[in-house]
Amino acid sequence: MQIIPLSEGAFTIDKTKRFVPFDTEKDDLQQRPAGSLLVEIQPFAVITSDDILVIDTGLGYEKDGVLQIHRNLLDAGIDPGKVTKVLMSHLHKDHAGGITEQSEGYERGGGYPSGAKGTNERGQGTTPREVLSSPDEALGDCSGGAGISHSAPASRGAASPASHGAAPLPHGLAFPNATYYIQRRELEYAFEKGPTSYIPEELECLKDSPRVSFLDGNGVIDGYIKYEITGAHCPWHQVFWIVDGGETAFFGGDVAPQLQQMKSRFIAKYDYDGKKAMELRQQWWEKGQAEGWQFMFYHDVKTPLFSSR
């Protein structure tokens, strides 16, 4: 099993729930609004014996007209069109922004044209689609079905059409050949709760997509991916264990987002049930240490992966 962090860079977030890029070498956290948290945005690719998995999908930023998570996959030698499963811990905008894409460079089912690959610059030069502004566009078809083909990528640094109020490009699932695994109640809750934690407009397409497998409760996917509802961070948050080739990889989403949180006892105010989140972190840390898990940390600026072996 191979695990690849797909870092989109570091950001600060304050009570407005806006994610603002942060250069760890140049920026000063003290200059950000009081109470700002410094977090990494870090989806993961996991290559197993049977699948290419993506776990959570990032902010949905675009770079040179290409969805950043796609570019990061390409930089790791993975064609986004070959991703077979997308596992979603929950649908907050910093985890679900890359569920859909409107990149001009991507041809559904066919990957990127040659020359589209570039380097990941930890969020520099990217164009936020809906993260730093309120959503104001309607979504088109998102079924990942019959091929929609777009023109060549936009020039470097150019804003997406949505940024200028132009007619939006058609949306589609960012991984049109993959099956998305989402808790049914989490999607329902996203529409009940609405902004600012969720962007319902970008989730509308999931409701009737044949590429979405709605999960109800706990279970196992294809005999080797265990999922479990934890609540704690939000009511229908789920976590994953991937067991392959004698190894166990664990993704705790926003209940277990950083290494340091596994080692300390605290109740986070931003959690739905902070006490339960603290207790789960302790349980997972002890069990993972005993069984040699590999931990994946979505929001850890320094330590995306930690092996207990």
C-alpha atoms as a PDB file:
ATOM      1  CA  MET A   1       0.000   0.000   0.000  1.00  0.00           C
ATOM      2  CA  GLN A   2       1.318   3.409  -0.998  1.00  0.00           C
ATOM      3  CA  ILE A   3       0.042   6.598   0.667  1.00  0.00           C
ATOM      4  CA  ILE A   4       0.637   9.962  -1.005  1.00  0.00           C
ATOM      5  CA  PRO A   5      -0.215  13.285   0.690  1.00  0.00           C
ATOM      6  CA  LEU A   6      -1.734  15.768  -1.765  1.00  0.00           C
ATOM      7  CA  SER A   7      -0.967  19.022   0.018  1.00  0.00           C
ATOM      8  CA  GLU A   8      -2.801  22.132  -1.148  1.00  0.00           C
ATOM      9  CA  GLY A   9      -0.821  24.324   1.238  1.00  0.00           C
ATOM     10  CA  ALA A  10      -1.213  25.953   4.619  1.00  0.00           C
ATOM     11  CA  PHE A  11      -4.090  28.286   5.476  1.00  0.00           C
ATOM     12  CA  THR A  12      -5.438  30.250   8.385  1.00  0.00           C
ATOM     13  CA  ILE A  13      -9.087  30.116   9.360  1.00  0.00           C
ATOM     14  CA  ASP A  14     -10.862  32.372  11.824  1.00  0.00           C
ATOM     15  CA  LYS A  15     -14.436  32.750  13.068  1.00  0.00           C
ATOM     16  CA  THR A  16     -15.576  33.765   9.585  1.00  0.00           C
ATOM     17  CA  LYS A  17     -14.637  30.242   8.389  1.00  0.00           C
ATOM     18  CA  ARG A  18     -12.718  31.714   5.458  1.00  0.00           C
ATOM     19  CA  PHE A  19      -9.541  29.874   4.422  1.00  0.00           C
ATOM     20  CA  VAL A  20      -6.734  32.330   3.684  1.00  0.00           C
ATOM     21  CA  PRO A  21      -3.423  31.051   2.196  1.00  0.00           C
ATOM     22  CA  PHE A  22      -0.486  31.177   4.608  1.00  0.00           C
ATOM     23  CA  ASP A  23       3.184  30.980   3.616  1.00  0.00           C
ATOM     24  CA  THR A  24       4.889  29.267   6.544  1.00  0.00           C
ATOM     25  CA  GLU A  25       8.247  30.792   5.575  1.00  0.00           C
ATOM     26  CA  LYS A  26       7.098  34.404   5.158  1.00  0.00           C
ATOM     27  CA  ASP A  27       3.799  35.044   6.902  1.00  0.00           C
ATOM     28  CA  ASP A  28       3.326  35.836  10.585  1.00  0.00           C
ATOM     29  CA  LEU A  29       0.419  34.137  12.348  1.00  0.00           C
ATOM     30  CA  GLN A  30       0.252  37.034  14.794  1.00  0.00           C
ATOM     31  CA  GLN A  31      -0.747  39.307  11.919  1.00  0.00           C
ATOM     32  CA  ARG A  32      -3.855  37.257  11.231  1.00  0.00           C
ATOM     33  CA  PRO A  33      -7.157  37.898  13.073  1.00  0.00           C
ATOM     34  CA  ALA A  34      -7.218  36.899  16.732  1.00  0.00           C
ATOM     35  CA  GLY A  35      -8.067  33.241  17.229  1.00  0.00           C
ATOM     36  CA  SER A  36      -6.918  32.184  13.743  1.00  0.00           C
ATOM     37  CA  LEU A  37      -5.984  28.523  13.390  1.00  0.00           C
ATOM     38  CA  LEU A  38      -3.116  27.409  11.160  1.00  0.00           C
ATOM     39  CA  VAL A  39      -4.011  24.286   9.200  1.00  0.00           C
ATOM     40  CA  GLU A  40      -2.831  22.301   6.225  1.00  0.00           C
ATOM     41  CA  ILE A  41      -5.311  21.222   3.566  1.00  0.00           C
ATOM     42  CA  GLN A  42      -4.194  17.740   2.665  1.00  0.00           C
ATOM     43  CA  PRO A  43      -6.201  15.110   0.806  1.00  0.00           C
ATOM     44  CA  PHE A  44      -4.555  11.732   0.297  1.00  0.00           C
ATOM     45  CA  ALA A  45      -4.133   9.246  -2.513  1.00  0.00           C
ATOM     46  CA  VAL A  46      -3.833   5.612  -1.452  1.00  0.00           C
ATOM     47  CA  ILE A  47      -2.759   2.972  -3.932  1.00  0.00           C
ATOM     48  CA  THR A  48      -3.845  -0.514  -2.865  1.00  0.00           C
ATOM     49  CA  SER A  49      -3.780  -3.911  -4.514  1.00  0.00           C
ATOM     50  CA  ASP A  50      -7.187  -3.246  -6.083  1.00  0.00           C
ATOM     51  CA  ASP A  51      -7.799   0.500  -6.203  1.00  0.00           C
ATOM     52  CA  ILE A  52      -6.538   4.028  -6.480  1.00  0.00           C
ATOM     53  CA  LEU A  53      -8.290   5.851  -3.649  1.00  0.00           C
ATOM     54  CA  VAL A  54      -8.666   9.541  -2.949  1.00  0.00           C
ATOM     55  CA  ILE A  55      -9.608  10.472   0.612  1.00  0.00           C
ATOM     56  CA  ASP A  56     -11.378  13.837   0.846  1.00  0.00           C
ATOM     57  CA  THR A  57     -10.946  16.306  -1.988  1.00  0.00           C
ATOM     58  CA  GLY A  58      -9.528  19.596  -0.710  1.00  0.00           C
ATOM     59  CA  LEU A  59     -10.701  23.145  -1.200  1.00  0.00           C
ATOM     60  CA  GLY A  60     -11.455  22.978  -4.903  1.00  0.00           C
ATOM     61  CA  TYR A  61      -8.855  25.573  -5.896  1.00  0.00           C
ATOM     62  CA  GLU A  62      -7.821  25.787  -9.528  1.00  0.00           C
ATOM     63  CA  LYS A  63      -4.343  26.479 -10.839  1.00  0.00           C
ATOM     64  CA  ASP A  64      -3.748  27.379 -14.468  1.00  0.00           C
ATOM     65  CA  GLY A  65      -7.338  26.311 -15.109  1.00  0.00           C
ATOM     66  CA  VAL A  66      -6.727  22.879 -13.588  1.00  0.00           C
ATOM     67  CA  LEU A  67      -8.185  21.641 -10.321  1.00  0.00           C
ATOM     68  CA  GLN A  68      -5.332  21.585  -7.826  1.00  0.00           C
ATOM     69  CA  ILE A  69      -6.031  18.093  -6.550  1.00  0.00           C
ATOM     70  CA  HIS A  70      -5.810  16.889 -10.152  1.00  0.00           C
ATOM     71  CA  ARG A  71      -2.478  18.615 -10.617  1.00  0.00           C
ATOM     72  CA  ASN A  72      -1.141  17.165  -7.382  1.00  0.00           C
ATOM     73  CA  LEU A  73      -2.167  13.694  -8.504  1.00  0.00           C
ATOM     74  CA  LEU A  74      -0.477  14.209 -11.848  1.00  0.00           C
ATOM     75  CA  ASP A  75       2.691  15.350 -10.086  1.00  0.00           C
ATOM     76  CA  ALA A  76       2.576  12.052  -8.195  1.00  0.00           C
ATOM     77  CA  GLY A  77       2.237  10.135 -11.467  1.00  0.00           C
ATOM     78  CA  ILE A  78      -1.480   9.373 -11.078  1.00  0.00           C
ATOM     79  CA  ASP A  79      -4.030  10.096 -13.806  1.00  0.00           C
ATOM     80  CA  PRO A  80      -7.164  11.487 -12.085  1.00  0.00           C
ATOM     81  CA  GLY A  81      -9.221   9.499 -14.557  1.00  0.00           C
ATOM     82  CA  LYS A  82      -7.815   6.288 -13.060  1.00  0.00           C
ATOM     83  CA  VAL A  83      -9.036   7.002  -9.521  1.00  0.00           C
ATOM     84  CA  THR A  84     -11.520   4.263  -8.637  1.00  0.00           C
ATOM     85  CA  LYS A  85     -12.893   5.315  -5.242  1.00  0.00           C
ATOM     86  CA  VAL A  86     -13.338   8.641  -3.447  1.00  0.00           C
ATOM     87  CA  LEU A  87     -13.876   8.317   0.304  1.00  0.00           C
ATOM     88  CA  MET A  88     -15.472  11.342   1.969  1.00  0.00           C
ATOM     89  CA  SER A  89     -15.181  11.794   5.734  1.00  0.00           C
ATOM     90  CA  HIS A  90     -17.698  14.653   5.607  1.00  0.00           C
ATOM     91  CA  LEU A  91     -18.757  17.463   3.294  1.00  0.00           C
ATOM     92  CA  HIS A  92     -17.415  20.644   4.893  1.00  0.00           C
ATOM     93  CA  LYS A  93     -16.124  22.962   2.173  1.00  0.00           C
ATOM     94  CA  ASP A  94     -12.430  22.430   2.966  1.00  0.00           C
ATOM     95  CA  HIS A  95     -12.877  18.669   2.474  1.00  0.00           C
ATOM     96  CA  ALA A  96     -15.431  18.615  -0.343  1.00  0.00           C
ATOM     97  CA  GLY A  97     -14.388  21.551  -2.537  1.00  0.00           C
ATOM     98  CA  GLY A  98     -12.799  19.214  -5.071  1.00  0.00           C
ATOM     99  CA  ILE A  99     -15.798  16.924  -5.435  1.00  0.00           C
ATOM    100  CA  THR A 100     -16.788  18.811  -8.587  1.00  0.00           C
ATOM    101  CA  GLU A 101     -14.668  20.590 -11.170  1.00  0.00           C
ATOM    102  CA  GLN A 102     -15.157  23.096 -13.934  1.00  0.00           C
ATOM    103  CA  SER A 103     -11.590  23.097 -15.210  1.00  0.00           C
ATOM    104  CA  GLU A 104     -11.157  23.866 -18.880  1.00  0.00           C
ATOM    105  CA  GLY A 105      -8.240  21.455 -19.221  1.00  0.00           C
ATOM    106  CA  TYR A 106      -9.935  18.220 -18.226  1.00  0.00           C
ATOM    107  CA  GLU A 107     -11.704  15.892 -20.623  1.00  0.00           C
ATOM    108  CA  ARG A 108     -14.116  13.578 -18.832  1.00  0.00           C
ATOM    109  CA  GLY A 109     -12.838  10.030 -18.734  1.00  0.00           C
ATOM    110  CA  GLY A 110      -9.756  10.903 -20.734  1.00  0.00           C
ATOM    111  CA  GLY A 111      -7.476  12.644 -18.258  1.00  0.00           C
ATOM    112  CA  TYR A 112      -5.461  15.770 -19.027  1.00  0.00           C
ATOM    113  CA  PRO A 113      -3.922  16.616 -22.383  1.00  0.00           C
ATOM    114  CA  SER A 114      -0.134  16.439 -22.534  1.00  0.00           C
ATOM    115  CA  GLY A 115       1.569  19.534 -21.183  1.00  0.00           C
ATOM    116  CA  ALA A 116      -1.051  20.192 -18.508  1.00  0.00           C
ATOM    117  CA  LYS A 117       1.116  18.774 -15.742  1.00  0.00           C
ATOM    118  CA  GLY A 118       2.855  21.287 -13.482  1.00  0.00           C
ATOM    119  CA  THR A 119       4.398  21.652 -10.048  1.00  0.00           C
ATOM    120  CA  ASN A 120       2.628  22.048  -6.749  1.00  0.00           C
ATOM    121  CA  GLU A 121       3.528  25.389  -5.206  1.00  0.00           C
ATOM    122  CA  ARG A 122       1.665  24.901  -1.907  1.00  0.00           C
ATOM    123  CA  GLY A 123      -1.288  27.036  -2.878  1.00  0.00           C
ATOM    124  CA  GLN A 124       0.595  29.853  -4.602  1.00  0.00           C
ATOM    125  CA  GLY A 125      -0.904  30.921  -7.909  1.00  0.00           C
ATOM    126  CA  THR A 126      -4.162  29.088  -7.333  1.00  0.00           C
ATOM    127  CA  THR A 127      -7.601  30.493  -7.945  1.00  0.00           C
ATOM    128  CA  PRO A 128     -10.225  29.864  -5.265  1.00  0.00           C
ATOM    129  CA  ARG A 129     -13.531  28.874  -6.816  1.00  0.00           C
ATOM    130  CA  GLU A 130     -15.959  29.337  -3.947  1.00  0.00           C
ATOM    131  CA  VAL A 131     -13.881  29.211  -0.774  1.00  0.00           C
ATOM    132  CA  LEU A 132     -13.101  32.898  -0.239  1.00  0.00           C
ATOM    133  CA  SER A 133     -16.376  34.228  -1.604  1.00  0.00           C
ATOM    134  CA  SER A 134     -20.004  33.304  -1.308  1.00  0.00           C
ATOM    135  CA  PRO A 135     -21.356  30.801  -3.826  1.00  0.00           C
ATOM    136  CA  ASP A 136     -23.246  32.492  -6.630  1.00  0.00           C
ATOM    137  CA  GLU A 137     -23.501  30.015  -9.468  1.00  0.00           C
ATOM    138  CA  ALA A 138     -25.843  27.219 -10.370  1.00  0.00           C
ATOM    139  CA  LEU A 139     -24.405  23.756 -11.007  1.00  0.00           C
ATOM    140  CA  GLY A 140     -24.885  21.872 -14.212  1.00  0.00           C
ATOM    141  CA  ASP A 141     -24.894  18.105 -14.680  1.00  0.00           C
ATOM    142  CA  CYS A 142     -22.601  16.320 -12.269  1.00  0.00           C
ATOM    143  CA  SER A 143     -23.265  12.690 -13.042  1.00  0.00           C
ATOM    144  CA  GLY A 144     -19.862  12.007 -14.552  1.00  0.00           C
ATOM    145  CA  GLY A 145     -21.682  10.637 -17.553  1.00  0.00           C
ATOM    146  CA  ALA A 146     -21.420  11.369 -21.266  1.00  0.00           C
ATOM    147  CA  GLY A 147     -18.264  13.215 -22.123  1.00  0.00           C
ATOM    148  CA  ILE A 148     -18.068  16.961 -21.787  1.00  0.00           C
ATOM    149  CA  SER A 149     -14.900  18.286 -23.353  1.00  0.00           C
ATOM    150  CA  HIS A 150     -13.407  21.676 -22.618  1.00  0.00           C
ATOM    151  CA  SER A 151     -10.786  23.820 -24.313  1.00  0.00           C
ATOM    152  CA  ALA A 152      -7.132  24.204 -23.291  1.00  0.00           C
ATOM    153  CA  PRO A 153      -6.208  25.455 -19.794  1.00  0.00           C
ATOM    154  CA  ALA A 154      -6.383  29.171 -19.050  1.00  0.00           C
ATOM    155  CA  SER A 155      -3.198  31.223 -18.822  1.00  0.00           C
ATOM    156  CA  ARG A 156      -1.219  31.255 -15.583  1.00  0.00           C
ATOM    157  CA  GLY A 157      -2.813  33.251 -12.806  1.00  0.00           C
ATOM    158  CA  ALA A 158      -6.045  33.824 -14.678  1.00  0.00           C
ATOM    159  CA  ALA A 159      -9.171  33.715 -12.581  1.00  0.00           C
ATOM    160  CA  SER A 160     -11.859  31.176 -13.268  1.00  0.00           C
ATOM    161  CA  PRO A 161     -14.953  32.456 -15.089  1.00  0.00           C
ATOM    162  CA  ALA A 162     -16.930  32.291 -11.840  1.00  0.00           C
ATOM    163  CA  SER A 163     -14.512  34.769 -10.286  1.00  0.00           C
ATOM    164  CA  HIS A 164     -15.537  37.450 -12.756  1.00  0.00           C
ATOM    165  CA  GLY A 165     -19.249  36.727 -12.861  1.00  0.00           C
ATOM    166  CA  ALA A 166     -19.121  35.217 -16.360  1.00  0.00           C
ATOM    167  CA  ALA A 167     -21.303  32.253 -17.262  1.00  0.00           C
ATOM    168  CA  PRO A 168     -19.892  29.240 -15.379  1.00  0.00           C
ATOM    169  CA  LEU A 169     -18.463  26.267 -17.201  1.00  0.00           C
ATOM    170  CA  PRO A 170     -20.431  23.032 -16.857  1.00  0.00           C
ATOM    171  CA  HIS A 171     -19.666  21.183 -13.637  1.00  0.00           C
ATOM    172  CA  GLY A 172     -18.925  17.501 -13.434  1.00  0.00           C
ATOM    173  CA  LEU A 173     -17.646  15.086 -10.847  1.00  0.00           C
ATOM    174  CA  ALA A 174     -13.921  15.693 -10.519  1.00  0.00           C
ATOM    175  CA  PHE A 175     -13.303  11.937 -10.626  1.00  0.00           C
ATOM    176  CA  PRO A 176     -15.856  10.761 -13.186  1.00  0.00           C
ATOM    177  CA  ASN A 177     -14.692   7.132 -13.260  1.00  0.00           C
ATOM    178  CA  ALA A 178     -14.673   6.719  -9.484  1.00  0.00           C
ATOM    179  CA  THR A 179     -17.367   5.717  -7.036  1.00  0.00           C
ATOM    180  CA  TYR A 180     -17.908   8.287  -4.275  1.00  0.00           C
ATOM    181  CA  TYR A 181     -18.669   6.948  -0.786  1.00  0.00           C
ATOM    182  CA  ILE A 182     -20.694   9.418   1.292  1.00  0.00           C
ATOM    183  CA  GLN A 183     -22.889   9.049   4.336  1.00  0.00           C
ATOM    184  CA  ARG A 184     -26.457   9.693   3.183  1.00  0.00           C
ATOM    185  CA  ARG A 185     -27.331  11.635   6.327  1.00  0.00           C
ATOM    186  CA  GLU A 186     -24.247  13.839   5.936  1.00  0.00           C
ATOM    187  CA  LEU A 187     -25.472  15.044   2.550  1.00  0.00           C
ATOM    188  CA  GLU A 188     -28.930  15.696   3.969  1.00  0.00           C
ATOM    189  CA  TYR A 189     -27.396  17.571   6.902  1.00  0.00           C
ATOM    190  CA  ALA A 190     -25.288  19.703   4.557  1.00  0.00           C
ATOM    191  CA  PHE A 191     -28.479  21.044   2.961  1.00  0.00           C
ATOM    192  CA  GLU A 192     -30.153  21.510   6.325  1.00  0.00           C
ATOM    193  CA  LYS A 193     -27.169  23.376   7.765  1.00  0.00           C
ATOM    194  CA  GLY A 194     -26.134  25.299   4.649  1.00  0.00           C
ATOM    195  CA  PRO A 195     -23.352  27.916   4.563  1.00  0.00           C
ATOM    196  CA  THR A 196     -20.877  28.737   5.945  1.00  0.00           C
ATOM    197  CA  SER A 197     -19.447  25.281   6.676  1.00  0.00           C
ATOM    198  CA  TYR A 198     -21.011  23.731   3.584  1.00  0.00           C
ATOM    199  CA  ILE A 199     -21.534  24.916   0.011  1.00  0.00           C
ATOM    200  CA  PRO A 200     -24.829  23.223  -0.899  1.00  0.00           C
ATOM    201  CA  GLU A 201     -24.742  24.474  -4.493  1.00  0.00           C
ATOM    202  CA  GLU A 202     -21.630  22.390  -5.152  1.00  0.00           C
ATOM    203  CA  LEU A 203     -23.185  19.312  -3.555  1.00  0.00           C
ATOM    204  CA  GLU A 204     -26.492  19.409  -5.421  1.00  0.00           C
ATOM    205  CA  CYS A 205     -25.122  17.177  -8.158  1.00  0.00           C
ATOM    206  CA  LEU A 206     -24.456  14.327  -5.716  1.00  0.00           C
ATOM    207  CA  LYS A 207     -28.117  13.694  -4.992  1.00  0.00           C
ATOM    208  CA  ASP A 208     -28.933  11.687  -8.115  1.00  0.00           C
ATOM    209  CA  SER A 209     -25.489  10.773  -9.435  1.00  0.00           C
ATOM    210  CA  PRO A 210     -25.018   7.105 -10.368  1.00  0.00           C
ATOM    211  CA  ARG A 211     -21.385   7.492  -9.276  1.00  0.00           C
ATOM    212  CA  VAL A 212     -22.339   8.033  -5.616  1.00  0.00           C
ATOM    213  CA  SER A 213     -22.730   5.143  -3.188  1.00  0.00           C
ATOM    214  CA  PHE A 214     -24.702   6.411  -0.212  1.00  0.00           C
ATOM    215  CA  LEU A 215     -23.735   4.779   3.055  1.00  0.00           C
ATOM    216  CA  ASP A 216     -26.129   4.235   5.954  1.00  0.00           C
ATOM    217  CA  GLY A 217     -24.244   3.602   9.165  1.00  0.00           C
ATOM    218  CA  ASN A 218     -21.085   1.520   9.532  1.00  0.00           C
ATOM    219  CA  GLY A 219     -19.760  -1.156   7.216  1.00  0.00           C
ATOM    220  CA  VAL A 220     -17.037  -2.466   4.935  1.00  0.00           C
ATOM    221  CA  ILE A 221     -16.365  -1.651   1.278  1.00  0.00           C
ATOM    222  CA  ASP A 222     -15.079  -4.488  -0.931  1.00  0.00           C
ATOM    223  CA  GLY A 223     -13.861  -6.453   2.050  1.00  0.00           C
ATOM    224  CA  TYR A 224     -10.962  -4.186   3.023  1.00  0.00           C
ATOM    225  CA  ILE A 225     -12.126  -0.597   3.646  1.00  0.00           C
ATOM    226  CA  LYS A 226     -13.918  -0.212   6.959  1.00  0.00           C
ATOM    227  CA  TYR A 227     -15.987   2.910   7.604  1.00  0.00           C
ATOM    228  CA  GLU A 228     -17.540   4.050  10.850  1.00  0.00           C
ATOM    229  CA  ILE A 229     -19.714   7.020  11.798  1.00  0.00           C
ATOM    230  CA  THR A 230     -18.081   8.943  14.612  1.00  0.00           C
ATOM    231  CA  GLY A 231     -20.108  12.127  14.795  1.00  0.00           C
ATOM    232  CA  ALA A 232     -17.962  14.246  17.148  1.00  0.00           C
ATOM    233  CA  HIS A 233     -16.822  16.834  14.587  1.00  0.00           C
ATOM    234  CA  CYS A 234     -20.181  17.016  12.822  1.00  0.00           C
ATOM    235  CA  PRO A 235     -23.159  14.665  13.318  1.00  0.00           C
ATOM    236  CA  TRP A 236     -22.508  12.301  10.390  1.00  0.00           C
ATOM    237  CA  HIS A 237     -18.722  12.464  10.131  1.00  0.00           C
ATOM    238  CA  GLN A 238     -17.094   9.118   9.297  1.00  0.00           C
ATOM    239  CA  VAL A 239     -13.572   7.660   9.469  1.00  0.00           C
ATOM    240  CA  PHE A 240     -11.839   4.942   7.461  1.00  0.00           C
ATOM    241  CA  TRP A 241      -9.507   2.025   8.001  1.00  0.00           C
ATOM    242  CA  ILE A 242      -7.815   0.573   4.900  1.00  0.00           C
ATOM    243  CA  VAL A 243      -6.353  -2.893   5.388  1.00  0.00           C
ATOM    244  CA  ASP A 244      -4.177  -4.124   2.529  1.00  0.00           C
ATOM    245  CA  GLY A 245      -1.076  -6.283   2.256  1.00  0.00           C
ATOM    246  CA  GLY A 246      -0.795  -6.726   5.993  1.00  0.00           C
ATOM    247  CA  GLU A 247      -0.886  -2.969   6.641  1.00  0.00           C
ATOM    248  CA  THR A 248      -3.566  -0.780   8.214  1.00  0.00           C
ATOM    249  CA  ALA A 249      -3.942   2.883   7.256  1.00  0.00           C
ATOM    250  CA  PHE A 250      -6.277   5.090   9.280  1.00  0.00           C
ATOM    251  CA  PHE A 251      -7.915   8.362   8.277  1.00  0.00           C
ATOM    252  CA  GLY A 252      -9.688  10.170  11.098  1.00  0.00           C
ATOM    253  CA  GLY A 253     -10.765  13.250   9.138  1.00  0.00           C
ATOM    254  CA  ASP A 254     -11.471  16.215  11.400  1.00  0.00           C
ATOM    255  CA  VAL A 255     -11.870  14.142  14.536  1.00  0.00           C
ATOM    256  CA  ALA A 256      -8.164  13.253  14.267  1.00  0.00           C
ATOM    257  CA  PRO A 257      -6.747  16.043  12.071  1.00  0.00           C
ATOM    258  CA  GLN A 258      -3.252  16.553  13.543  1.00  0.00           C
ATOM    259  CA  LEU A 259      -0.599  14.427  15.239  1.00  0.00           C
ATOM    260  CA  GLN A 260      -0.338  16.664  18.292  1.00  0.00           C
ATOM    261  CA  GLN A 261      -4.045  16.306  18.973  1.00  0.00           C
ATOM    262  CA  MET A 262      -3.592  12.547  19.299  1.00  0.00           C
ATOM    263  CA  LYS A 263      -1.083  13.062  22.080  1.00  0.00           C
ATOM    264  CA  SER A 264      -2.957  15.581  24.200  1.00  0.00           C
ATOM    265  CA  ARG A 265      -6.305  15.783  25.979  1.00  0.00           C
ATOM    266  CA  PHE A 266      -8.401  18.763  24.995  1.00  0.00           C
ATOM    267  CA  ILE A 267     -11.921  19.611  23.906  1.00  0.00           C
ATOM    268  CA  ALA A 268     -12.116  21.718  20.738  1.00  0.00           C
ATOM    269  CA  LYS A 269     -14.833  24.365  20.656  1.00  0.00           C
ATOM    270  CA  TYR A 270     -15.327  23.891  16.923  1.00  0.00           C
ATOM    271  CA  ASP A 271     -16.419  20.251  17.281  1.00  0.00           C
ATOM    272  CA  TYR A 272     -20.047  19.152  17.421  1.00  0.00           C
ATOM    273  CA  ASP A 273     -19.184  16.926  20.395  1.00  0.00           C
ATOM    274  CA  GLY A 274     -15.719  17.887  21.588  1.00  0.00           C
ATOM    275  CA  LYS A 275     -15.654  15.451  24.502  1.00  0.00           C
ATOM    276  CA  LYS A 276     -16.432  12.506  22.247  1.00  0.00           C
ATOM    277  CA  ALA A 277     -13.797  13.649  19.747  1.00  0.00           C
ATOM    278  CA  MET A 278     -11.181  13.755  22.522  1.00  0.00           C
ATOM    279  CA  GLU A 279     -12.124  10.274  23.712  1.00  0.00           C
ATOM    280  CA  LEU A 280     -12.032   8.815  20.202  1.00  0.00           C
ATOM    281  CA  ARG A 281      -8.584  10.290  19.548  1.00  0.00           C
ATOM    282  CA  GLN A 282      -7.274   8.600  22.690  1.00  0.00           C
ATOM    283  CA  GLN A 283      -8.831   5.257  21.740  1.00  0.00           C
ATOM    284  CA  TRP A 284      -7.460   5.356  18.188  1.00  0.00           C
ATOM    285  CA  TRP A 285      -4.002   6.446  19.296  1.00  0.00           C
ATOM    286  CA  GLU A 286      -3.692   3.609  21.808  1.00  0.00           C
ATOM    287  CA  LYS A 287      -5.076   0.986  19.446  1.00  0.00           C
ATOM    288  CA  GLY A 288      -3.051   2.279  16.493  1.00  0.00           C
ATOM    289  CA  GLN A 289       0.165   2.231  18.495  1.00  0.00           C
ATOM    290  CA  ALA A 290      -0.505  -1.344  19.568  1.00  0.00           C
ATOM    291  CA  GLU A 291      -1.412  -2.539  16.054  1.00  0.00           C
ATOM    292  CA  GLY A 292       1.044  -0.518  13.977  1.00  0.00           C
ATOM    293  CA  TRP A 293      -1.377   1.716  12.057  1.00  0.00           C
ATOM    294  CA  GLN A 294      -0.308   4.380   9.618  1.00  0.00           C
ATOM    295  CA  PHE A 295      -2.112   7.610  10.502  1.00  0.00           C
ATOM    296  CA  MET A 296      -3.083  10.189   7.868  1.00  0.00           C
ATOM    297  CA  PHE A 297      -3.537  13.757   9.155  1.00  0.00           C
ATOM    298  CA  TYR A 298      -5.521  16.078   6.917  1.00  0.00           C
ATOM    299  CA  HIS A 299      -4.725  19.339   8.724  1.00  0.00           C
ATOM    300  CA  ASP A 300      -1.179  18.766  10.002  1.00  0.00           C
ATOM    301  CA  VAL A 301       1.271  21.354   8.664  1.00  0.00           C
ATOM    302  CA  LYS A 302       4.374  19.307   9.568  1.00  0.00           C
ATOM    303  CA  THR A 303       3.381  15.638   9.780  1.00  0.00           C
ATOM    304  CA  PRO A 304       0.963  14.352   7.138  1.00  0.00           C
ATOM    305  CA  LEU A 305       1.802  10.712   7.882  1.00  0.00           C
ATOM    306  CA  PHE A 306       2.788   8.933  11.059  1.00  0.00           C
ATOM    307  CA  SER A 307       3.657   5.255  11.244  1.00  0.00           C
ATOM    308  CA  SER A 308       3.269   3.369  14.506  1.00  0.00           C
ATOM    309  CA  ARG A 309       5.240   0.402  13.218  1.00  0.00           C
END
